[in-house]
Amino acid sequence: MNLVLNLYRAFLVALVFMTTGALWGCVSQSTLPIDQELLVIGNEYDFAAPSHIASGIVTVRFVNAGSTELHNAALIRLAGGHSLQDFADFMRDGLQSPDWAVHVGEVESIPPGTEALAKVILKPGPHLIVCYHGEGQGIPHHTLGMITSLDVIESSNNDPEPEFDVDLVMFDFGYALSESPKTGQQIIRVVGAGPQIHNVLIWKLRQGKSATDLVHWLESDRTTPRPGQPLGGLTALSPGERAYLPIELETGRYVLLCLVPDVGDGRFHLSHGMMKEIRIR
């Protein structure tokens, strides 16, 4: 089994760099592709991803090729001429993201051996791909090397934004749904209404477990078995940003929650009541 998993990881990494090299070796800015997919592969503790991509609507496919830990992949646009090193230096002193880091969403935490999608709107400029997850080691994975640069090149791509089934608005401190999600495949548009940045993690509760059990587990040292299954979600959005979450849901009880630290007391927004339980029949 380990040999098969290692071969799968090697194939995915090779695919990223073969397709990226072929693309950027033979096209100019005026011929950048449309209907783009950005493949990001996470491991303990690094990312394999292209270094460049065209601006516009991008489908992000995040693969957790690690062996033990949950990982996520947050996309951040750097404003004001700041660099990856500036971000790393700033985050070394705490969990609060700098004002010049604009969060544009990507795939929230998923278990090893799984993958998930997000559709994001990328504007030209320097970006970062960052893993904020910290389970296991107890510190954010980006401090262990799980951070990389992505340069978004201006293009003439003008694809329309995706159609969606459900609107999800994130605000201080809650979620507003246009309607309840249903069973099956669907697309949820996620909007950051602020004033703070927020994310949405989606957990499916295990039989006999409650949303309270999940909250207690998330606020603990997380050494006991998980009371639910993490299905990903969307990483943080800055106020005014939006992204799209394709997801397939089964019958069951789910919890939406925010694990962004509050700018006031540093506690998760979950601790301020930013959680919503939904039942899908």
C-alpha atoms as a PDB file:
ATOM      1  CA  MET A   1       0.000   0.000   0.000  1.00  0.00           C
ATOM      2  CA  ASN A   2       2.829   2.441   0.838  1.00  0.00           C
ATOM      3  CA  LEU A   3       4.511   1.693  -2.505  1.00  0.00           C
ATOM      4  CA  VAL A   4       1.264   2.417  -4.382  1.00  0.00           C
ATOM      5  CA  LEU A   5       0.728   5.677  -2.467  1.00  0.00           C
ATOM      6  CA  ASN A   6       4.308   6.804  -3.128  1.00  0.00           C
ATOM      7  CA  LEU A   7       3.971   6.041  -6.849  1.00  0.00           C
ATOM      8  CA  TYR A   8       0.712   8.028  -6.941  1.00  0.00           C
ATOM      9  CA  ARG A   9       2.387  11.016  -5.293  1.00  0.00           C
ATOM     10  CA  ALA A  10       5.329  10.844  -7.696  1.00  0.00           C
ATOM     11  CA  PHE A  11       2.969  10.707 -10.695  1.00  0.00           C
ATOM     12  CA  LEU A  12       1.008  13.761  -9.504  1.00  0.00           C
ATOM     13  CA  VAL A  13       4.131  15.803  -8.858  1.00  0.00           C
ATOM     14  CA  ALA A  14       5.556  14.889 -12.265  1.00  0.00           C
ATOM     15  CA  LEU A  15       2.261  15.799 -13.932  1.00  0.00           C
ATOM     16  CA  VAL A  16       2.262  19.261 -12.348  1.00  0.00           C
ATOM     17  CA  PHE A  17       5.710  20.124 -13.624  1.00  0.00           C
ATOM     18  CA  MET A  18       5.383  18.485 -17.048  1.00  0.00           C
ATOM     19  CA  THR A  19       2.169  20.347 -17.849  1.00  0.00           C
ATOM     20  CA  THR A  20       3.443  23.605 -16.365  1.00  0.00           C
ATOM     21  CA  GLY A  21       6.716  23.434 -18.271  1.00  0.00           C
ATOM     22  CA  ALA A  22       4.982  22.629 -21.548  1.00  0.00           C
ATOM     23  CA  LEU A  23       2.504  25.457 -21.096  1.00  0.00           C
ATOM     24  CA  TRP A  24       4.913  28.207 -20.136  1.00  0.00           C
ATOM     25  CA  GLY A  25       7.580  27.117 -22.586  1.00  0.00           C
ATOM     26  CA  CYS A  26       5.468  27.623 -25.699  1.00  0.00           C
ATOM     27  CA  VAL A  27       2.845  30.316 -25.115  1.00  0.00           C
ATOM     28  CA  SER A  28       2.962  34.074 -24.717  1.00  0.00           C
ATOM     29  CA  GLN A  29       0.858  36.256 -22.434  1.00  0.00           C
ATOM     30  CA  SER A  30      -1.606  36.901 -25.287  1.00  0.00           C
ATOM     31  CA  THR A  31      -2.268  33.173 -25.723  1.00  0.00           C
ATOM     32  CA  LEU A  32      -2.725  32.139 -22.108  1.00  0.00           C
ATOM     33  CA  PRO A  33      -5.256  29.296 -21.727  1.00  0.00           C
ATOM     34  CA  ILE A  34      -8.855  29.608 -20.634  1.00  0.00           C
ATOM     35  CA  ASP A  35     -10.844  27.118 -18.549  1.00  0.00           C
ATOM     36  CA  GLN A  36      -7.789  26.731 -16.371  1.00  0.00           C
ATOM     37  CA  GLU A  37      -7.208  24.143 -13.691  1.00  0.00           C
ATOM     38  CA  LEU A  38      -4.589  24.735 -11.011  1.00  0.00           C
ATOM     39  CA  LEU A  39      -3.367  21.444  -9.553  1.00  0.00           C
ATOM     40  CA  VAL A  40      -1.917  21.811  -6.048  1.00  0.00           C
ATOM     41  CA  ILE A  41      -0.462  18.801  -4.241  1.00  0.00           C
ATOM     42  CA  GLY A  42       0.164  18.976  -0.495  1.00  0.00           C
ATOM     43  CA  ASN A  43       2.430  16.735   1.528  1.00  0.00           C
ATOM     44  CA  GLU A  44       4.177  16.766   4.905  1.00  0.00           C
ATOM     45  CA  TYR A  45       5.259  19.616   4.616  1.00  0.00           C
ATOM     46  CA  ASP A  46       5.419  21.193   1.163  1.00  0.00           C
ATOM     47  CA  PHE A  47       3.414  22.005  -1.944  1.00  0.00           C
ATOM     48  CA  ALA A  48       3.915  20.987  -5.563  1.00  0.00           C
ATOM     49  CA  ALA A  49       2.234  23.558  -7.794  1.00  0.00           C
ATOM     50  CA  PRO A  50       2.914  25.673 -10.889  1.00  0.00           C
ATOM     51  CA  SER A  51       4.754  28.949 -10.384  1.00  0.00           C
ATOM     52  CA  HIS A  52       2.545  30.897 -12.848  1.00  0.00           C
ATOM     53  CA  ILE A  53      -1.047  30.951 -14.020  1.00  0.00           C
ATOM     54  CA  ALA A  54      -3.281  33.299 -16.019  1.00  0.00           C
ATOM     55  CA  SER A  55      -5.750  35.629 -14.343  1.00  0.00           C
ATOM     56  CA  GLY A  56      -9.488  34.947 -14.452  1.00  0.00           C
ATOM     57  CA  ILE A  57     -11.695  32.090 -13.273  1.00  0.00           C
ATOM     58  CA  VAL A  58      -9.539  29.170 -12.118  1.00  0.00           C
ATOM     59  CA  THR A  59     -10.587  25.731 -10.885  1.00  0.00           C
ATOM     60  CA  VAL A  60      -8.259  24.673  -8.084  1.00  0.00           C
ATOM     61  CA  ARG A  61      -7.829  20.932  -7.560  1.00  0.00           C
ATOM     62  CA  PHE A  62      -6.154  20.312  -4.209  1.00  0.00           C
ATOM     63  CA  VAL A  63      -4.781  16.824  -3.498  1.00  0.00           C
ATOM     64  CA  ASN A  64      -3.682  15.865   0.010  1.00  0.00           C
ATOM     65  CA  ALA A  65      -0.935  13.380  -0.821  1.00  0.00           C
ATOM     66  CA  GLY A  66       0.325  13.307   2.765  1.00  0.00           C
ATOM     67  CA  SER A  67       0.243  10.245   4.968  1.00  0.00           C
ATOM     68  CA  THR A  68      -0.994  11.439   8.364  1.00  0.00           C
ATOM     69  CA  GLU A  69      -2.289  15.016   8.592  1.00  0.00           C
ATOM     70  CA  LEU A  70      -5.113  17.178   7.343  1.00  0.00           C
ATOM     71  CA  HIS A  71      -3.972  19.936   4.991  1.00  0.00           C
ATOM     72  CA  ASN A  72      -5.528  22.958   3.329  1.00  0.00           C
ATOM     73  CA  ALA A  73      -4.382  25.336   0.597  1.00  0.00           C
ATOM     74  CA  ALA A  74      -5.241  29.015   0.979  1.00  0.00           C
ATOM     75  CA  LEU A  75      -4.698  31.447  -1.893  1.00  0.00           C
ATOM     76  CA  ILE A  76      -3.506  34.906  -0.861  1.00  0.00           C
ATOM     77  CA  ARG A  77      -2.897  37.940  -3.095  1.00  0.00           C
ATOM     78  CA  LEU A  78      -0.029  40.125  -1.889  1.00  0.00           C
ATOM     79  CA  ALA A  79      -0.621  43.872  -2.135  1.00  0.00           C
ATOM     80  CA  GLY A  80       1.793  46.775  -1.780  1.00  0.00           C
ATOM     81  CA  GLY A  81       4.825  45.017  -3.248  1.00  0.00           C
ATOM     82  CA  HIS A  82       5.110  42.531  -0.385  1.00  0.00           C
ATOM     83  CA  SER A  83       6.814  39.146  -0.750  1.00  0.00           C
ATOM     84  CA  LEU A  84       6.623  35.593   0.585  1.00  0.00           C
ATOM     85  CA  GLN A  85       9.377  36.446   3.054  1.00  0.00           C
ATOM     86  CA  ASP A  86       7.426  39.488   4.284  1.00  0.00           C
ATOM     87  CA  PHE A  87       4.431  37.233   4.945  1.00  0.00           C
ATOM     88  CA  ALA A  88       6.526  34.589   6.698  1.00  0.00           C
ATOM     89  CA  ASP A  89       8.200  37.216   8.889  1.00  0.00           C
ATOM     90  CA  PHE A  90       4.866  38.801   9.809  1.00  0.00           C
ATOM     91  CA  MET A  91       3.172  35.471  10.638  1.00  0.00           C
ATOM     92  CA  ARG A  92       6.096  34.345  12.787  1.00  0.00           C
ATOM     93  CA  ASP A  93       4.864  36.703  15.499  1.00  0.00           C
ATOM     94  CA  GLY A  94       1.249  35.502  15.603  1.00  0.00           C
ATOM     95  CA  LEU A  95      -1.810  34.112  13.832  1.00  0.00           C
ATOM     96  CA  GLN A  96      -3.301  37.359  12.515  1.00  0.00           C
ATOM     97  CA  SER A  97      -2.836  37.860   8.796  1.00  0.00           C
ATOM     98  CA  PRO A  98      -1.465  41.246   7.637  1.00  0.00           C
ATOM     99  CA  ASP A  99      -3.763  43.824   6.036  1.00  0.00           C
ATOM    100  CA  TRP A 100      -1.828  43.590   2.761  1.00  0.00           C
ATOM    101  CA  ALA A 101      -2.634  39.868   2.405  1.00  0.00           C
ATOM    102  CA  VAL A 102      -5.936  39.517   0.496  1.00  0.00           C
ATOM    103  CA  HIS A 103      -7.520  36.086   0.998  1.00  0.00           C
ATOM    104  CA  VAL A 104      -9.241  34.864  -2.156  1.00  0.00           C
ATOM    105  CA  GLY A 105     -10.219  31.340  -1.080  1.00  0.00           C
ATOM    106  CA  GLU A 106      -9.200  27.807  -1.989  1.00  0.00           C
ATOM    107  CA  VAL A 107      -9.734  24.320  -0.560  1.00  0.00           C
ATOM    108  CA  GLU A 108     -10.133  23.877   3.211  1.00  0.00           C
ATOM    109  CA  SER A 109      -8.707  21.010   5.258  1.00  0.00           C
ATOM    110  CA  ILE A 110      -9.113  17.502   3.843  1.00  0.00           C
ATOM    111  CA  PRO A 111      -7.731  14.142   5.046  1.00  0.00           C
ATOM    112  CA  PRO A 112      -4.764  12.298   3.493  1.00  0.00           C
ATOM    113  CA  GLY A 113      -5.534  10.497   0.242  1.00  0.00           C
ATOM    114  CA  THR A 114      -8.429  12.774  -0.729  1.00  0.00           C
ATOM    115  CA  GLU A 115      -8.906  15.744  -3.042  1.00  0.00           C
ATOM    116  CA  ALA A 116     -11.376  18.604  -3.424  1.00  0.00           C
ATOM    117  CA  LEU A 117     -12.165  21.513  -5.749  1.00  0.00           C
ATOM    118  CA  ALA A 118     -12.745  25.240  -5.512  1.00  0.00           C
ATOM    119  CA  LYS A 119     -13.329  27.865  -8.194  1.00  0.00           C
ATOM    120  CA  VAL A 120     -11.620  31.179  -7.523  1.00  0.00           C
ATOM    121  CA  ILE A 121     -11.262  34.566  -9.179  1.00  0.00           C
ATOM    122  CA  LEU A 122      -7.599  35.445  -9.631  1.00  0.00           C
ATOM    123  CA  LYS A 123      -6.462  38.987 -10.328  1.00  0.00           C
ATOM    124  CA  PRO A 124      -2.989  39.759 -11.706  1.00  0.00           C
ATOM    125  CA  GLY A 125      -0.181  40.005  -9.193  1.00  0.00           C
ATOM    126  CA  PRO A 126       1.928  37.990  -6.738  1.00  0.00           C
ATOM    127  CA  HIS A 127       0.091  35.321  -4.740  1.00  0.00           C
ATOM    128  CA  LEU A 128       0.921  32.711  -2.125  1.00  0.00           C
ATOM    129  CA  ILE A 129      -0.394  29.187  -1.540  1.00  0.00           C
ATOM    130  CA  VAL A 130      -0.406  28.609   2.225  1.00  0.00           C
ATOM    131  CA  CYS A 131      -1.397  25.763   4.544  1.00  0.00           C
ATOM    132  CA  TYR A 132      -2.803  27.165   7.788  1.00  0.00           C
ATOM    133  CA  HIS A 133      -3.655  23.793   9.300  1.00  0.00           C
ATOM    134  CA  GLY A 134      -1.852  22.951  12.508  1.00  0.00           C
ATOM    135  CA  GLU A 135      -3.212  19.667  13.841  1.00  0.00           C
ATOM    136  CA  GLY A 136      -0.616  17.153  14.969  1.00  0.00           C
ATOM    137  CA  GLN A 137       2.448  19.407  15.097  1.00  0.00           C
ATOM    138  CA  GLY A 138       0.377  22.067  16.864  1.00  0.00           C
ATOM    139  CA  ILE A 139       1.775  24.911  14.774  1.00  0.00           C
ATOM    140  CA  PRO A 140       0.660  26.166  11.337  1.00  0.00           C
ATOM    141  CA  HIS A 141       2.063  24.023   8.557  1.00  0.00           C
ATOM    142  CA  HIS A 142       3.280  27.060   6.600  1.00  0.00           C
ATOM    143  CA  THR A 143       5.924  27.579   9.295  1.00  0.00           C
ATOM    144  CA  LEU A 144       7.215  24.078   8.457  1.00  0.00           C
ATOM    145  CA  GLY A 145       7.635  24.902   4.770  1.00  0.00           C
ATOM    146  CA  MET A 146       4.117  24.459   3.419  1.00  0.00           C
ATOM    147  CA  ILE A 147       4.059  27.781   1.548  1.00  0.00           C
ATOM    148  CA  THR A 148       4.907  28.664  -2.058  1.00  0.00           C
ATOM    149  CA  SER A 149       4.617  31.544  -4.509  1.00  0.00           C
ATOM    150  CA  LEU A 150       2.196  31.780  -7.429  1.00  0.00           C
ATOM    151  CA  ASP A 151       2.485  34.594  -9.977  1.00  0.00           C
ATOM    152  CA  VAL A 152      -0.835  35.459 -11.630  1.00  0.00           C
ATOM    153  CA  ILE A 153      -0.223  36.894 -15.114  1.00  0.00           C
ATOM    154  CA  GLU A 154      -2.680  39.364 -16.612  1.00  0.00           C
ATOM    155  CA  SER A 155      -4.606  37.888 -19.528  1.00  0.00           C
ATOM    156  CA  SER A 156      -7.584  38.699 -21.708  1.00  0.00           C
ATOM    157  CA  ASN A 157      -9.558  35.736 -20.374  1.00  0.00           C
ATOM    158  CA  ASN A 158     -13.124  36.834 -19.745  1.00  0.00           C
ATOM    159  CA  ASP A 159     -14.917  33.652 -18.741  1.00  0.00           C
ATOM    160  CA  PRO A 160     -18.248  34.190 -16.983  1.00  0.00           C
ATOM    161  CA  GLU A 161     -18.437  33.278 -13.327  1.00  0.00           C
ATOM    162  CA  PRO A 162     -19.932  29.843 -12.634  1.00  0.00           C
ATOM    163  CA  GLU A 163     -23.644  29.306 -12.144  1.00  0.00           C
ATOM    164  CA  PHE A 164     -24.421  28.263  -8.586  1.00  0.00           C
ATOM    165  CA  ASP A 165     -27.158  26.535  -6.585  1.00  0.00           C
ATOM    166  CA  VAL A 166     -26.772  28.076  -3.119  1.00  0.00           C
ATOM    167  CA  ASP A 167     -25.479  31.425  -1.864  1.00  0.00           C
ATOM    168  CA  LEU A 168     -23.491  31.373   1.405  1.00  0.00           C
ATOM    169  CA  VAL A 169     -22.636  34.743   2.969  1.00  0.00           C
ATOM    170  CA  MET A 170     -20.050  34.885   5.789  1.00  0.00           C
ATOM    171  CA  PHE A 171     -20.243  37.742   8.286  1.00  0.00           C
ATOM    172  CA  ASP A 172     -19.258  38.597  11.892  1.00  0.00           C
ATOM    173  CA  PHE A 173     -20.198  36.012  13.258  1.00  0.00           C
ATOM    174  CA  GLY A 174     -22.412  33.711  11.246  1.00  0.00           C
ATOM    175  CA  TYR A 175     -23.472  32.188   7.936  1.00  0.00           C
ATOM    176  CA  ALA A 176     -26.508  33.115   5.841  1.00  0.00           C
ATOM    177  CA  LEU A 177     -27.715  30.548   3.293  1.00  0.00           C
ATOM    178  CA  SER A 178     -30.058  31.445   0.431  1.00  0.00           C
ATOM    179  CA  GLU A 179     -31.477  27.925   0.828  1.00  0.00           C
ATOM    180  CA  SER A 180     -30.437  24.654   2.390  1.00  0.00           C
ATOM    181  CA  PRO A 181     -28.022  22.521   0.343  1.00  0.00           C
ATOM    182  CA  LYS A 182     -29.435  19.288  -1.021  1.00  0.00           C
ATOM    183  CA  THR A 183     -28.135  15.796  -1.622  1.00  0.00           C
ATOM    184  CA  GLY A 184     -25.959  15.329  -4.669  1.00  0.00           C
ATOM    185  CA  GLN A 185     -23.561  17.504  -6.606  1.00  0.00           C
ATOM    186  CA  GLN A 186     -23.965  21.270  -6.310  1.00  0.00           C
ATOM    187  CA  ILE A 187     -22.055  24.548  -6.411  1.00  0.00           C
ATOM    188  CA  ILE A 188     -22.119  26.932  -3.452  1.00  0.00           C
ATOM    189  CA  ARG A 189     -21.121  30.550  -4.007  1.00  0.00           C
ATOM    190  CA  VAL A 190     -19.310  31.828  -0.909  1.00  0.00           C
ATOM    191  CA  VAL A 191     -19.149  35.570  -0.230  1.00  0.00           C
ATOM    192  CA  GLY A 192     -16.992  37.344   2.341  1.00  0.00           C
ATOM    193  CA  ALA A 193     -19.152  40.091   3.864  1.00  0.00           C
ATOM    194  CA  GLY A 194     -16.709  41.012   6.635  1.00  0.00           C
ATOM    195  CA  PRO A 195     -15.800  43.075   8.458  1.00  0.00           C
ATOM    196  CA  GLN A 196     -13.228  40.340   9.298  1.00  0.00           C
ATOM    197  CA  ILE A 197     -11.959  37.567   7.050  1.00  0.00           C
ATOM    198  CA  HIS A 198     -13.824  34.258   7.448  1.00  0.00           C
ATOM    199  CA  ASN A 199     -13.633  30.688   6.201  1.00  0.00           C
ATOM    200  CA  VAL A 200     -16.112  27.830   6.040  1.00  0.00           C
ATOM    201  CA  LEU A 201     -15.180  24.282   6.966  1.00  0.00           C
ATOM    202  CA  ILE A 202     -17.739  21.561   6.312  1.00  0.00           C
ATOM    203  CA  TRP A 203     -17.864  18.554   8.630  1.00  0.00           C
ATOM    204  CA  LYS A 204     -20.237  15.612   8.449  1.00  0.00           C
ATOM    205  CA  LEU A 205     -21.129  14.460  11.972  1.00  0.00           C
ATOM    206  CA  ARG A 206     -20.700  10.809  12.854  1.00  0.00           C
ATOM    207  CA  GLN A 207     -23.681   8.820  14.075  1.00  0.00           C
ATOM    208  CA  GLY A 208     -24.505   9.770  17.650  1.00  0.00           C
ATOM    209  CA  LYS A 209     -22.274  12.865  17.673  1.00  0.00           C
ATOM    210  CA  SER A 210     -23.471  16.447  17.974  1.00  0.00           C
ATOM    211  CA  ALA A 211     -22.266  19.875  16.891  1.00  0.00           C
ATOM    212  CA  THR A 212     -21.319  20.475  20.541  1.00  0.00           C
ATOM    213  CA  ASP A 213     -19.089  17.384  20.458  1.00  0.00           C
ATOM    214  CA  LEU A 214     -17.343  18.775  17.390  1.00  0.00           C
ATOM    215  CA  VAL A 215     -16.835  22.197  18.982  1.00  0.00           C
ATOM    216  CA  HIS A 216     -15.347  20.626  22.115  1.00  0.00           C
ATOM    217  CA  TRP A 217     -13.009  18.487  19.992  1.00  0.00           C
ATOM    218  CA  LEU A 218     -11.841  21.437  17.866  1.00  0.00           C
ATOM    219  CA  GLU A 219     -11.140  23.522  20.972  1.00  0.00           C
ATOM    220  CA  SER A 220      -9.238  20.650  22.646  1.00  0.00           C
ATOM    221  CA  ASP A 221      -5.826  19.126  21.895  1.00  0.00           C
ATOM    222  CA  ARG A 222      -7.566  16.951  19.224  1.00  0.00           C
ATOM    223  CA  THR A 223      -5.953  13.716  20.383  1.00  0.00           C
ATOM    224  CA  THR A 224      -9.242  11.811  20.682  1.00  0.00           C
ATOM    225  CA  PRO A 225     -11.071  10.374  17.632  1.00  0.00           C
ATOM    226  CA  ARG A 226     -12.758  12.976  15.438  1.00  0.00           C
ATOM    227  CA  PRO A 227     -16.528  13.281  16.012  1.00  0.00           C
ATOM    228  CA  GLY A 228     -17.040  13.875  12.303  1.00  0.00           C
ATOM    229  CA  GLN A 229     -15.537  13.694   8.866  1.00  0.00           C
ATOM    230  CA  PRO A 230     -13.915  16.853   7.413  1.00  0.00           C
ATOM    231  CA  LEU A 231     -15.104  17.409   3.831  1.00  0.00           C
ATOM    232  CA  GLY A 232     -13.055  20.490   3.046  1.00  0.00           C
ATOM    233  CA  GLY A 233     -14.816  23.754   2.393  1.00  0.00           C
ATOM    234  CA  LEU A 234     -13.409  27.136   1.432  1.00  0.00           C
ATOM    235  CA  THR A 235     -10.385  28.832   2.962  1.00  0.00           C
ATOM    236  CA  ALA A 236     -10.618  32.417   4.172  1.00  0.00           C
ATOM    237  CA  LEU A 237     -12.132  35.218   2.101  1.00  0.00           C
ATOM    238  CA  SER A 238     -11.350  38.860   2.707  1.00  0.00           C
ATOM    239  CA  PRO A 239     -14.328  41.256   2.778  1.00  0.00           C
ATOM    240  CA  GLY A 240     -15.703  41.774  -0.724  1.00  0.00           C
ATOM    241  CA  GLU A 241     -14.148  38.591  -2.163  1.00  0.00           C
ATOM    242  CA  ARG A 242     -16.147  35.626  -3.465  1.00  0.00           C
ATOM    243  CA  ALA A 243     -15.389  32.093  -4.626  1.00  0.00           C
ATOM    244  CA  TYR A 244     -17.247  28.933  -5.585  1.00  0.00           C
ATOM    245  CA  LEU A 245     -17.341  25.558  -3.867  1.00  0.00           C
ATOM    246  CA  PRO A 246     -18.315  22.474  -5.917  1.00  0.00           C
ATOM    247  CA  ILE A 247     -19.296  19.745  -3.469  1.00  0.00           C
ATOM    248  CA  GLU A 248     -21.284  16.519  -3.341  1.00  0.00           C
ATOM    249  CA  LEU A 249     -23.299  15.882  -0.184  1.00  0.00           C
ATOM    250  CA  GLU A 250     -25.092  12.818   1.135  1.00  0.00           C
ATOM    251  CA  THR A 251     -27.959  12.508   3.568  1.00  0.00           C
ATOM    252  CA  GLY A 252     -26.841  13.379   7.085  1.00  0.00           C
ATOM    253  CA  ARG A 253     -26.072  16.108   9.608  1.00  0.00           C
ATOM    254  CA  TYR A 254     -23.407  18.672   8.779  1.00  0.00           C
ATOM    255  CA  VAL A 255     -21.743  21.568  10.554  1.00  0.00           C
ATOM    256  CA  LEU A 256     -20.414  24.747   8.926  1.00  0.00           C
ATOM    257  CA  LEU A 257     -17.809  26.519  11.059  1.00  0.00           C
ATOM    258  CA  CYS A 258     -15.124  29.204  10.985  1.00  0.00           C
ATOM    259  CA  LEU A 259     -11.641  28.654  12.421  1.00  0.00           C
ATOM    260  CA  VAL A 260     -10.178  32.082  11.660  1.00  0.00           C
ATOM    261  CA  PRO A 261      -8.668  33.747  14.766  1.00  0.00           C
ATOM    262  CA  ASP A 262     -10.546  36.846  15.901  1.00  0.00           C
ATOM    263  CA  VAL A 263      -8.735  40.184  15.571  1.00  0.00           C
ATOM    264  CA  GLY A 264      -9.862  41.101  19.090  1.00  0.00           C
ATOM    265  CA  ASP A 265      -9.177  38.159  21.385  1.00  0.00           C
ATOM    266  CA  GLY A 266      -7.430  35.683  19.061  1.00  0.00           C
ATOM    267  CA  ARG A 267     -10.032  32.958  19.649  1.00  0.00           C
ATOM    268  CA  PHE A 268     -11.525  31.071  16.727  1.00  0.00           C
ATOM    269  CA  HIS A 269     -14.643  32.710  15.280  1.00  0.00           C
ATOM    270  CA  LEU A 270     -16.283  29.389  16.117  1.00  0.00           C
ATOM    271  CA  SER A 271     -15.949  30.407  19.772  1.00  0.00           C
ATOM    272  CA  HIS A 272     -17.911  33.581  18.956  1.00  0.00           C
ATOM    273  CA  GLY A 273     -20.801  31.512  17.630  1.00  0.00           C
ATOM    274  CA  MET A 274     -19.786  31.231  13.967  1.00  0.00           C
ATOM    275  CA  MET A 275     -21.223  27.772  13.398  1.00  0.00           C
ATOM    276  CA  LYS A 276     -24.305  26.481  11.622  1.00  0.00           C
ATOM    277  CA  GLU A 277     -25.726  22.938  11.708  1.00  0.00           C
ATOM    278  CA  ILE A 278     -27.677  21.751   8.689  1.00  0.00           C
ATOM    279  CA  ARG A 279     -29.561  18.513   8.059  1.00  0.00           C
ATOM    280  CA  ILE A 280     -29.669  17.074   4.547  1.00  0.00           C
ATOM    281  CA  ARG A 281     -32.379  14.523   3.894  1.00  0.00           C
END
